[in-house]
Every structure is written in structure tokens, then in C-alpha cells.
Amino acid sequence: MQYFNHALPLAFLKADRNGKIVSYSTIARERFDLSGGHLKGIIDEESIEKLIQYSWEPGVDPVKLELNMKTRELPLCLFEVHIQWDSEDHANMLFLPKDSSNEGLMDKLMQLQHRLTSTDFELLEKKEELEQVLTRLNQLSGPFIPLSETLCLIPLFGDITADKINVISESCLKAVFAGEYDEILFDLTAVGEIEGKGIEKFTQLIKTLNFMTGSIIKLIGIKPNLAEVLNNYKLDEWVQIDQSLKQVLNVYFNRNELGAS
């Protein structure tokens, strides 16, 4: 019988077809009295019969059994035994004690798994709520305001991000196409930081509105840093630049009053 120092923190031993123990691990030696050199010395008689009946025919698939074992501390102790036959016709046996401490550990693991599942679900709900709030904030950051039957205003607030422009584009396009607006004003006075993908989405929105409606697109309140970024997109043929919303509205309403008279 050969002893080897197995690093696995469980009892492990190897036996031949006759039940003779050919090798064992440190934990197996500490837990069982292996002086007899045979499985009959450490397994209860009824469990030996069970072992022979259900697992002592060598095969490919591993077998799991519950057996009563004779340990150094107790005359009988229930173990979960995993058995795998190898190419040398030896049964490799791993012994996992099925005592109350293990049951308590399993209970704790099940409770932990339940808490993690509940936490994951709660986090998912919070994530969905947060996404809804962010979508709503993005909608409010670019409201569509009809000023007359032919003039509308979309003021942008905060940073220009791709997510924000995507949300604004959806509501803006629906509202513009539902009306007959000759002029569309974007007030950029309250714009903060500028994200690269965000400004790309914004220029796409401008071109789409101009192409699909033929409306005049006016950009108002452009700050120097935004003007520098927009210059890279060659928007001269798509938009008109104006200094202030007040100036644009004065021109628009004066023109319409003269036309009405």
C-alpha cells in the first residue's frame, strides 16, 4: 500500500478489484484506520454490499454513492463517495463527509444564492428605472417647441452625447414631420461638454431634417468651442448661423406682420 501527499483537502484513496487499498492521501490516512489495507476495514458491511452492487463493475462514467464509513473518531459516519475507474483497473475514490456541518454549509450556500438572485433582480429593476429616468432627462434636454404653424424651436441643454441626441432625434423627427415648418431653430446657448459621437449624431439630425423637409435650419447661440467642432463638419450648405434667439424671432415676426399687411 502506497502513501502519497495529495493536495486535495478531502480523503482520497485507490483500490483494486479485490478491494485492496493500493494508495491513499494524507487526509484519508488521518480520517480512516488504513492499517488493514482493505476497504472492508473502513466501510460498513451493508455499505460494502451496496458498493459492490452499484459501482464495482469498472466503467467509463463516474459513480456517486452514500456509504457508511468507519472513521477514527466515529464507528459509523455517512460519506458521499465518488468513484471513477482508471485504465489500470483501479477504483479512484473521493470521500466527502455528509455530516451536519456540511448540511449547514449547503444551507448557507443556498441562502447566499437566493440572496444573490434577489439582489440581481433588484439591481435589474433599479437599472431599468435608471434607464427610464435617463431617457426622460434626455427628452427634457431637447424639447420640441412649436412657436407658430411654420416655426419651431428645439433648445438643447447640457452635454451633447450620442444617447441624448438619439432620444431627441426620435421625438424631434416625429414632431417636425407631423407639421409644416418652414424654419427649424436649434438654440445651443445652454450646451455644455461635447462628445465626439454626440456631435456626429447632431449633424446627422440636421442633414436629415433639411433633406426630408426642405426647411431652413438655424443654429443659435453657438459658443466658440462648439463653433470650432462644427467647422469640421462643413455645415454651411445645411444651416444658417444666427447670434441670438431674440434676433431671429424679431426678424421672423416682423416679416410675417409685413406679409400679413
C-alpha atoms as a PDB file:
ATOM      1  CA  MET A   1       0.000   0.000   0.000  1.00  0.00           C
ATOM      2  CA  GLN A   2       1.466   3.315  -1.129  1.00  0.00           C
ATOM      3  CA  TYR A   3       1.094   6.655   0.648  1.00  0.00           C
ATOM      4  CA  PHE A   4       1.193   9.901  -1.296  1.00  0.00           C
ATOM      5  CA  ASN A   5       0.687  13.500  -0.219  1.00  0.00           C
ATOM      6  CA  HIS A   6      -2.401  14.587  -2.132  1.00  0.00           C
ATOM      7  CA  ALA A   7      -3.092  18.353  -2.008  1.00  0.00           C
ATOM      8  CA  LEU A   8      -6.878  17.948  -2.230  1.00  0.00           C
ATOM      9  CA  PRO A   9      -8.398  18.744   1.206  1.00  0.00           C
ATOM     10  CA  LEU A  10     -10.597  15.607   1.083  1.00  0.00           C
ATOM     11  CA  ALA A  11      -9.995  11.933   1.702  1.00  0.00           C
ATOM     12  CA  PHE A  12      -8.878  10.082  -1.432  1.00  0.00           C
ATOM     13  CA  LEU A  13      -7.750   6.507  -1.988  1.00  0.00           C
ATOM     14  CA  LYS A  14      -7.255   3.994  -4.759  1.00  0.00           C
ATOM     15  CA  ALA A  15      -8.282   0.324  -4.561  1.00  0.00           C
ATOM     16  CA  ASP A  16      -8.045  -2.683  -6.881  1.00  0.00           C
ATOM     17  CA  ARG A  17     -10.880  -5.012  -7.960  1.00  0.00           C
ATOM     18  CA  ASN A  18     -10.463  -7.093  -4.777  1.00  0.00           C
ATOM     19  CA  GLY A  19     -10.868  -4.069  -2.502  1.00  0.00           C
ATOM     20  CA  LYS A  20      -7.188  -3.874  -1.600  1.00  0.00           C
ATOM     21  CA  ILE A  21      -6.088  -0.285  -0.984  1.00  0.00           C
ATOM     22  CA  VAL A  22      -3.097   0.460  -3.216  1.00  0.00           C
ATOM     23  CA  SER A  23      -2.584   4.153  -2.383  1.00  0.00           C
ATOM     24  CA  TYR A  24      -4.110   6.903  -0.256  1.00  0.00           C
ATOM     25  CA  SER A  25      -3.862  10.596   0.547  1.00  0.00           C
ATOM     26  CA  THR A  26      -2.871  12.428   3.719  1.00  0.00           C
ATOM     27  CA  ILE A  27      -6.478  13.224   4.648  1.00  0.00           C
ATOM     28  CA  ALA A  28      -7.540   9.609   4.087  1.00  0.00           C
ATOM     29  CA  ARG A  29      -4.825   8.371   6.441  1.00  0.00           C
ATOM     30  CA  GLU A  30      -5.849  10.903   9.090  1.00  0.00           C
ATOM     31  CA  ARG A  31      -9.563  10.127   8.819  1.00  0.00           C
ATOM     32  CA  PHE A  32      -9.562   6.322   8.419  1.00  0.00           C
ATOM     33  CA  ASP A  33      -7.630   3.453  10.019  1.00  0.00           C
ATOM     34  CA  LEU A  34      -5.950   2.014   6.932  1.00  0.00           C
ATOM     35  CA  SER A  35      -3.768  -0.481   8.790  1.00  0.00           C
ATOM     36  CA  GLY A  36      -5.800  -3.410   7.396  1.00  0.00           C
ATOM     37  CA  GLY A  37      -5.062  -2.298   3.863  1.00  0.00           C
ATOM     38  CA  HIS A  38      -8.585  -3.207   2.663  1.00  0.00           C
ATOM     39  CA  LEU A  39     -11.881  -1.371   2.046  1.00  0.00           C
ATOM     40  CA  LYS A  40     -13.689  -3.782   4.397  1.00  0.00           C
ATOM     41  CA  GLY A  41     -11.749  -2.247   7.259  1.00  0.00           C
ATOM     42  CA  ILE A  42     -13.172   1.231   6.704  1.00  0.00           C
ATOM     43  CA  ILE A  43     -16.616   0.628   5.133  1.00  0.00           C
ATOM     44  CA  ASP A  44     -19.665  -0.738   6.984  1.00  0.00           C
ATOM     45  CA  GLU A  45     -20.714  -4.267   5.936  1.00  0.00           C
ATOM     46  CA  GLU A  46     -24.065  -3.199   4.425  1.00  0.00           C
ATOM     47  CA  SER A  47     -22.376  -0.362   2.587  1.00  0.00           C
ATOM     48  CA  ILE A  48     -19.803  -2.800   1.186  1.00  0.00           C
ATOM     49  CA  GLU A  49     -22.673  -4.746  -0.405  1.00  0.00           C
ATOM     50  CA  LYS A  50     -24.071  -1.504  -1.790  1.00  0.00           C
ATOM     51  CA  LEU A  51     -20.650  -0.540  -3.140  1.00  0.00           C
ATOM     52  CA  ILE A  52     -20.221  -3.882  -4.916  1.00  0.00           C
ATOM     53  CA  GLN A  53     -23.778  -3.853  -6.285  1.00  0.00           C
ATOM     54  CA  TYR A  54     -23.762  -0.362  -7.758  1.00  0.00           C
ATOM     55  CA  SER A  55     -20.184   0.540  -8.570  1.00  0.00           C
ATOM     56  CA  TRP A  56     -17.776  -2.372  -8.581  1.00  0.00           C
ATOM     57  CA  GLU A  57     -18.078  -3.086 -12.293  1.00  0.00           C
ATOM     58  CA  PRO A  58     -15.422  -0.920 -13.993  1.00  0.00           C
ATOM     59  CA  GLY A  59     -16.898   1.524 -16.449  1.00  0.00           C
ATOM     60  CA  VAL A  60     -16.326   4.889 -18.067  1.00  0.00           C
ATOM     61  CA  ASP A  61     -18.822   7.007 -16.147  1.00  0.00           C
ATOM     62  CA  PRO A  62     -18.117   8.041 -12.543  1.00  0.00           C
ATOM     63  CA  VAL A  63     -20.468   6.806  -9.809  1.00  0.00           C
ATOM     64  CA  LYS A  64     -21.707   8.638  -6.706  1.00  0.00           C
ATOM     65  CA  LEU A  65     -22.891   6.708  -3.639  1.00  0.00           C
ATOM     66  CA  GLU A  66     -23.669   7.391   0.004  1.00  0.00           C
ATOM     67  CA  LEU A  67     -21.814   4.928   2.228  1.00  0.00           C
ATOM     68  CA  ASN A  68     -21.432   4.458   5.978  1.00  0.00           C
ATOM     69  CA  MET A  69     -17.740   4.648   6.837  1.00  0.00           C
ATOM     70  CA  LYS A  70     -15.723   3.698   9.922  1.00  0.00           C
ATOM     71  CA  THR A  71     -13.619   6.688  10.912  1.00  0.00           C
ATOM     72  CA  ARG A  72     -11.043   7.184  13.635  1.00  0.00           C
ATOM     73  CA  GLU A  73     -13.493   9.419  15.540  1.00  0.00           C
ATOM     74  CA  LEU A  74     -16.807   7.603  14.951  1.00  0.00           C
ATOM     75  CA  PRO A  75     -17.779   3.959  14.398  1.00  0.00           C
ATOM     76  CA  LEU A  76     -20.162   4.980  11.608  1.00  0.00           C
ATOM     77  CA  CYS A  77     -20.265   8.204   9.613  1.00  0.00           C
ATOM     78  CA  LEU A  78     -22.132   8.882   6.373  1.00  0.00           C
ATOM     79  CA  PHE A  79     -19.997   9.880   3.362  1.00  0.00           C
ATOM     80  CA  GLU A  80     -20.739  10.820  -0.200  1.00  0.00           C
ATOM     81  CA  VAL A  81     -18.318   8.716  -2.244  1.00  0.00           C
ATOM     82  CA  HIS A  82     -17.327   9.485  -5.839  1.00  0.00           C
ATOM     83  CA  ILE A  83     -15.825   6.547  -7.741  1.00  0.00           C
ATOM     84  CA  GLN A  84     -14.029   6.558 -11.088  1.00  0.00           C
ATOM     85  CA  TRP A  85     -12.258   3.541 -12.600  1.00  0.00           C
ATOM     86  CA  ASP A  86      -8.990   4.221 -14.385  1.00  0.00           C
ATOM     87  CA  SER A  87      -7.144   2.435 -17.196  1.00  0.00           C
ATOM     88  CA  GLU A  88      -5.224   0.267 -14.701  1.00  0.00           C
ATOM     89  CA  ASP A  89      -8.476  -1.232 -13.378  1.00  0.00           C
ATOM     90  CA  HIS A  90      -8.226   0.735 -10.135  1.00  0.00           C
ATOM     91  CA  ALA A  91     -11.126   2.463  -8.418  1.00  0.00           C
ATOM     92  CA  ASN A  92     -10.272   6.093  -7.595  1.00  0.00           C
ATOM     93  CA  MET A  93     -12.427   7.029  -4.604  1.00  0.00           C
ATOM     94  CA  LEU A  94     -13.108  10.504  -3.204  1.00  0.00           C
ATOM     95  CA  PHE A  95     -14.870  10.759   0.199  1.00  0.00           C
ATOM     96  CA  LEU A  96     -16.976  13.775   1.155  1.00  0.00           C
ATOM     97  CA  PRO A  97     -18.458  13.662   4.685  1.00  0.00           C
ATOM     98  CA  LYS A  98     -22.242  14.093   4.851  1.00  0.00           C
ATOM     99  CA  ASP A  99     -22.380  15.450   8.387  1.00  0.00           C
ATOM    100  CA  SER A 100     -24.438  18.263   9.909  1.00  0.00           C
ATOM    101  CA  SER A 101     -21.682  20.798   9.329  1.00  0.00           C
ATOM    102  CA  ASN A 102     -21.840  20.094   5.611  1.00  0.00           C
ATOM    103  CA  GLU A 103     -25.605  20.397   5.643  1.00  0.00           C
ATOM    104  CA  GLY A 104     -25.261  23.727   7.410  1.00  0.00           C
ATOM    105  CA  LEU A 105     -22.740  24.828   4.811  1.00  0.00           C
ATOM    106  CA  MET A 106     -25.072  23.810   1.996  1.00  0.00           C
ATOM    107  CA  ASP A 107     -27.933  25.694   3.663  1.00  0.00           C
ATOM    108  CA  LYS A 108     -25.763  28.787   3.880  1.00  0.00           C
ATOM    109  CA  LEU A 109     -24.765  28.410   0.228  1.00  0.00           C
ATOM    110  CA  MET A 110     -28.416  28.079  -0.796  1.00  0.00           C
ATOM    111  CA  GLN A 111     -29.333  31.152   1.249  1.00  0.00           C
ATOM    112  CA  LEU A 112     -26.472  33.078  -0.310  1.00  0.00           C
ATOM    113  CA  GLN A 113     -27.548  32.003  -3.787  1.00  0.00           C
ATOM    114  CA  HIS A 114     -31.108  33.111  -3.013  1.00  0.00           C
ATOM    115  CA  ARG A 115     -29.882  36.489  -1.769  1.00  0.00           C
ATOM    116  CA  LEU A 116     -27.688  36.919  -4.835  1.00  0.00           C
ATOM    117  CA  THR A 117     -30.614  36.041  -7.107  1.00  0.00           C
ATOM    118  CA  SER A 118     -32.834  38.533  -5.281  1.00  0.00           C
ATOM    119  CA  THR A 119     -30.098  41.158  -5.406  1.00  0.00           C
ATOM    120  CA  ASP A 120     -29.565  40.586  -9.132  1.00  0.00           C
ATOM    121  CA  PHE A 121     -33.302  41.015  -9.739  1.00  0.00           C
ATOM    122  CA  GLU A 122     -33.417  44.164  -7.626  1.00  0.00           C
ATOM    123  CA  LEU A 123     -30.372  45.561  -9.427  1.00  0.00           C
ATOM    124  CA  LEU A 124     -32.021  44.788 -12.769  1.00  0.00           C
ATOM    125  CA  GLU A 125     -35.150  46.645 -11.670  1.00  0.00           C
ATOM    126  CA  LYS A 126     -33.057  49.609 -10.481  1.00  0.00           C
ATOM    127  CA  LYS A 127     -31.129  49.575 -13.752  1.00  0.00           C
ATOM    128  CA  GLU A 128     -34.379  49.675 -15.750  1.00  0.00           C
ATOM    129  CA  GLU A 129     -35.691  52.508 -13.565  1.00  0.00           C
ATOM    130  CA  LEU A 130     -32.440  54.422 -14.026  1.00  0.00           C
ATOM    131  CA  GLU A 131     -32.545  53.921 -17.795  1.00  0.00           C
ATOM    132  CA  GLN A 132     -36.107  55.251 -17.865  1.00  0.00           C
ATOM    133  CA  VAL A 133     -35.071  58.293 -15.816  1.00  0.00           C
ATOM    134  CA  LEU A 134     -32.078  58.962 -18.081  1.00  0.00           C
ATOM    135  CA  THR A 135     -34.265  58.646 -21.176  1.00  0.00           C
ATOM    136  CA  ARG A 136     -36.744  61.102 -19.685  1.00  0.00           C
ATOM    137  CA  LEU A 137     -33.928  63.520 -18.790  1.00  0.00           C
ATOM    138  CA  ASN A 138     -32.605  63.306 -22.345  1.00  0.00           C
ATOM    139  CA  GLN A 139     -36.081  64.036 -23.695  1.00  0.00           C
ATOM    140  CA  LEU A 140     -36.333  67.106 -21.469  1.00  0.00           C
ATOM    141  CA  SER A 141     -32.855  68.214 -22.581  1.00  0.00           C
ATOM    142  CA  GLY A 142     -34.131  68.868 -26.097  1.00  0.00           C
ATOM    143  CA  PRO A 143     -37.849  69.712 -26.011  1.00  0.00           C
ATOM    144  CA  PHE A 144     -39.720  70.415 -29.242  1.00  0.00           C
ATOM    145  CA  ILE A 145     -41.469  73.809 -29.014  1.00  0.00           C
ATOM    146  CA  PRO A 146     -43.791  74.943 -31.829  1.00  0.00           C
ATOM    147  CA  LEU A 147     -43.677  78.775 -31.920  1.00  0.00           C
ATOM    148  CA  SER A 148     -46.115  79.105 -34.809  1.00  0.00           C
ATOM    149  CA  GLU A 149     -47.546  76.978 -37.579  1.00  0.00           C
ATOM    150  CA  THR A 150     -44.338  77.397 -39.586  1.00  0.00           C
ATOM    151  CA  LEU A 151     -41.672  77.993 -36.917  1.00  0.00           C
ATOM    152  CA  CYS A 152     -40.399  75.581 -34.247  1.00  0.00           C
ATOM    153  CA  LEU A 153     -37.638  75.661 -31.639  1.00  0.00           C
ATOM    154  CA  ILE A 154     -35.506  72.892 -30.136  1.00  0.00           C
ATOM    155  CA  PRO A 155     -33.308  74.217 -27.301  1.00  0.00           C
ATOM    156  CA  LEU A 156     -30.537  71.845 -26.225  1.00  0.00           C
ATOM    157  CA  PHE A 157     -29.468  71.679 -22.573  1.00  0.00           C
ATOM    158  CA  GLY A 158     -26.383  70.057 -21.078  1.00  0.00           C
ATOM    159  CA  ASP A 159     -23.751  67.868 -22.709  1.00  0.00           C
ATOM    160  CA  ILE A 160     -24.132  66.709 -26.288  1.00  0.00           C
ATOM    161  CA  THR A 161     -23.932  62.903 -26.116  1.00  0.00           C
ATOM    162  CA  ALA A 162     -24.919  60.196 -28.579  1.00  0.00           C
ATOM    163  CA  ASP A 163     -27.602  58.801 -26.252  1.00  0.00           C
ATOM    164  CA  LYS A 164     -29.139  62.226 -25.734  1.00  0.00           C
ATOM    165  CA  ILE A 165     -29.224  63.101 -29.446  1.00  0.00           C
ATOM    166  CA  ASN A 166     -30.703  59.672 -30.290  1.00  0.00           C
ATOM    167  CA  VAL A 167     -33.597  60.293 -27.902  1.00  0.00           C
ATOM    168  CA  ILE A 168     -34.086  63.891 -29.059  1.00  0.00           C
ATOM    169  CA  SER A 169     -33.906  62.883 -32.735  1.00  0.00           C
ATOM    170  CA  GLU A 170     -36.762  60.413 -32.383  1.00  0.00           C
ATOM    171  CA  SER A 171     -39.185  62.903 -30.830  1.00  0.00           C
ATOM    172  CA  CYS A 172     -37.958  65.807 -32.985  1.00  0.00           C
ATOM    173  CA  LEU A 173     -38.369  63.997 -36.317  1.00  0.00           C
ATOM    174  CA  LYS A 174     -41.879  62.817 -35.420  1.00  0.00           C
ATOM    175  CA  ALA A 175     -42.961  66.330 -34.434  1.00  0.00           C
ATOM    176  CA  VAL A 176     -41.421  68.047 -37.478  1.00  0.00           C
ATOM    177  CA  PHE A 177     -42.858  65.589 -39.963  1.00  0.00           C
ATOM    178  CA  ALA A 178     -46.310  65.954 -38.361  1.00  0.00           C
ATOM    179  CA  GLY A 179     -46.301  69.710 -39.103  1.00  0.00           C
ATOM    180  CA  GLU A 180     -45.316  72.059 -41.910  1.00  0.00           C
ATOM    181  CA  TYR A 181     -42.418  74.055 -40.530  1.00  0.00           C
ATOM    182  CA  ASP A 182     -40.516  76.393 -42.838  1.00  0.00           C
ATOM    183  CA  GLU A 183     -37.877  77.181 -40.223  1.00  0.00           C
ATOM    184  CA  ILE A 184     -36.392  74.982 -37.515  1.00  0.00           C
ATOM    185  CA  LEU A 185     -34.344  76.656 -34.795  1.00  0.00           C
ATOM    186  CA  PHE A 186     -31.757  74.903 -32.610  1.00  0.00           C
ATOM    187  CA  ASP A 187     -30.771  77.018 -29.613  1.00  0.00           C
ATOM    188  CA  LEU A 188     -27.333  75.855 -28.419  1.00  0.00           C
ATOM    189  CA  THR A 189     -26.804  78.532 -25.776  1.00  0.00           C
ATOM    190  CA  ALA A 190     -27.076  76.066 -22.856  1.00  0.00           C
ATOM    191  CA  VAL A 191     -24.870  73.328 -24.349  1.00  0.00           C
ATOM    192  CA  GLY A 192     -22.089  72.016 -22.066  1.00  0.00           C
ATOM    193  CA  GLU A 193     -19.477  69.400 -22.947  1.00  0.00           C
ATOM    194  CA  ILE A 194     -19.352  67.995 -26.470  1.00  0.00           C
ATOM    195  CA  GLU A 195     -18.921  64.277 -27.101  1.00  0.00           C
ATOM    196  CA  GLY A 196     -17.495  63.250 -30.467  1.00  0.00           C
ATOM    197  CA  LYS A 197     -20.196  60.700 -31.258  1.00  0.00           C
ATOM    198  CA  GLY A 198     -22.796  63.104 -29.914  1.00  0.00           C
ATOM    199  CA  ILE A 199     -21.891  65.878 -32.356  1.00  0.00           C
ATOM    200  CA  GLU A 200     -21.856  63.347 -35.202  1.00  0.00           C
ATOM    201  CA  LYS A 201     -25.416  62.339 -34.312  1.00  0.00           C
ATOM    202  CA  PHE A 202     -26.396  66.009 -34.117  1.00  0.00           C
ATOM    203  CA  THR A 203     -25.064  66.822 -37.588  1.00  0.00           C
ATOM    204  CA  GLN A 204     -26.861  63.753 -38.946  1.00  0.00           C
ATOM    205  CA  LEU A 205     -30.110  65.051 -37.442  1.00  0.00           C
ATOM    206  CA  ILE A 206     -29.613  68.454 -39.073  1.00  0.00           C
ATOM    207  CA  LYS A 207     -28.969  66.954 -42.500  1.00  0.00           C
ATOM    208  CA  THR A 208     -31.936  64.585 -42.170  1.00  0.00           C
ATOM    209  CA  LEU A 209     -34.298  67.428 -41.258  1.00  0.00           C
ATOM    210  CA  ASN A 210     -33.048  69.605 -44.112  1.00  0.00           C
ATOM    211  CA  PHE A 211     -33.175  66.821 -46.666  1.00  0.00           C
ATOM    212  CA  MET A 212     -36.585  65.425 -45.690  1.00  0.00           C
ATOM    213  CA  THR A 213     -38.445  68.728 -45.130  1.00  0.00           C
ATOM    214  CA  GLY A 214     -36.532  71.336 -47.124  1.00  0.00           C
ATOM    215  CA  SER A 215     -36.854  73.589 -44.078  1.00  0.00           C
ATOM    216  CA  ILE A 216     -34.332  76.269 -43.162  1.00  0.00           C
ATOM    217  CA  ILE A 217     -32.231  75.022 -40.217  1.00  0.00           C
ATOM    218  CA  LYS A 218     -30.865  77.786 -37.993  1.00  0.00           C
ATOM    219  CA  LEU A 219     -28.293  77.333 -35.229  1.00  0.00           C
ATOM    220  CA  ILE A 220     -28.396  79.918 -32.461  1.00  0.00           C
ATOM    221  CA  GLY A 221     -26.111  80.705 -29.524  1.00  0.00           C
ATOM    222  CA  ILE A 222     -23.040  78.802 -30.695  1.00  0.00           C
ATOM    223  CA  LYS A 223     -20.088  79.132 -28.310  1.00  0.00           C
ATOM    224  CA  PRO A 224     -16.511  79.295 -29.652  1.00  0.00           C
ATOM    225  CA  ASN A 225     -15.638  75.715 -28.627  1.00  0.00           C
ATOM    226  CA  LEU A 226     -18.754  74.350 -30.350  1.00  0.00           C
ATOM    227  CA  ALA A 227     -18.154  76.512 -33.429  1.00  0.00           C
ATOM    228  CA  GLU A 228     -14.666  75.037 -33.720  1.00  0.00           C
ATOM    229  CA  VAL A 229     -16.040  71.498 -33.628  1.00  0.00           C
ATOM    230  CA  LEU A 230     -18.865  72.213 -36.092  1.00  0.00           C
ATOM    231  CA  ASN A 231     -16.408  73.707 -38.592  1.00  0.00           C
ATOM    232  CA  ASN A 232     -15.046  70.192 -39.137  1.00  0.00           C
ATOM    233  CA  TYR A 233     -18.417  69.020 -40.469  1.00  0.00           C
ATOM    234  CA  LYS A 234     -18.816  71.584 -43.311  1.00  0.00           C
ATOM    235  CA  LEU A 235     -22.409  72.504 -42.476  1.00  0.00           C
ATOM    236  CA  ASP A 236     -22.567  75.773 -44.452  1.00  0.00           C
ATOM    237  CA  GLU A 237     -24.898  74.328 -47.091  1.00  0.00           C
ATOM    238  CA  TRP A 238     -27.168  72.790 -44.449  1.00  0.00           C
ATOM    239  CA  VAL A 239     -27.610  75.504 -41.829  1.00  0.00           C
ATOM    240  CA  GLN A 240     -27.685  79.224 -41.133  1.00  0.00           C
ATOM    241  CA  ILE A 241     -25.876  80.662 -38.116  1.00  0.00           C
ATOM    242  CA  ASP A 242     -27.562  83.374 -36.030  1.00  0.00           C
ATOM    243  CA  GLN A 243     -26.391  85.183 -32.906  1.00  0.00           C
ATOM    244  CA  SER A 244     -29.440  85.129 -30.652  1.00  0.00           C
ATOM    245  CA  LEU A 245     -32.944  83.739 -30.428  1.00  0.00           C
ATOM    246  CA  LYS A 246     -34.345  87.242 -29.842  1.00  0.00           C
ATOM    247  CA  GLN A 247     -32.837  88.476 -33.098  1.00  0.00           C
ATOM    248  CA  VAL A 248     -34.219  85.554 -35.093  1.00  0.00           C
ATOM    249  CA  LEU A 249     -37.710  85.899 -33.626  1.00  0.00           C
ATOM    250  CA  ASN A 250     -37.800  89.666 -34.259  1.00  0.00           C
ATOM    251  CA  VAL A 251     -36.910  89.120 -37.916  1.00  0.00           C
ATOM    252  CA  TYR A 252     -39.403  86.293 -38.298  1.00  0.00           C
ATOM    253  CA  PHE A 253     -42.397  88.053 -36.725  1.00  0.00           C
ATOM    254  CA  ASN A 254     -41.647  91.405 -38.387  1.00  0.00           C
ATOM    255  CA  ARG A 255     -41.536  89.644 -41.750  1.00  0.00           C
ATOM    256  CA  ASN A 256     -44.816  87.886 -41.102  1.00  0.00           C
ATOM    257  CA  GLU A 257     -46.503  91.134 -39.964  1.00  0.00           C
ATOM    258  CA  LEU A 258     -45.408  92.885 -43.136  1.00  0.00           C
ATOM    259  CA  GLY A 259     -46.645  89.942 -45.193  1.00  0.00           C
ATOM    260  CA  ALA A 260     -49.993  89.996 -43.431  1.00  0.00           C
ATOM    261  CA  SER A 261     -50.436  93.730 -44.064  1.00  0.00           C
END
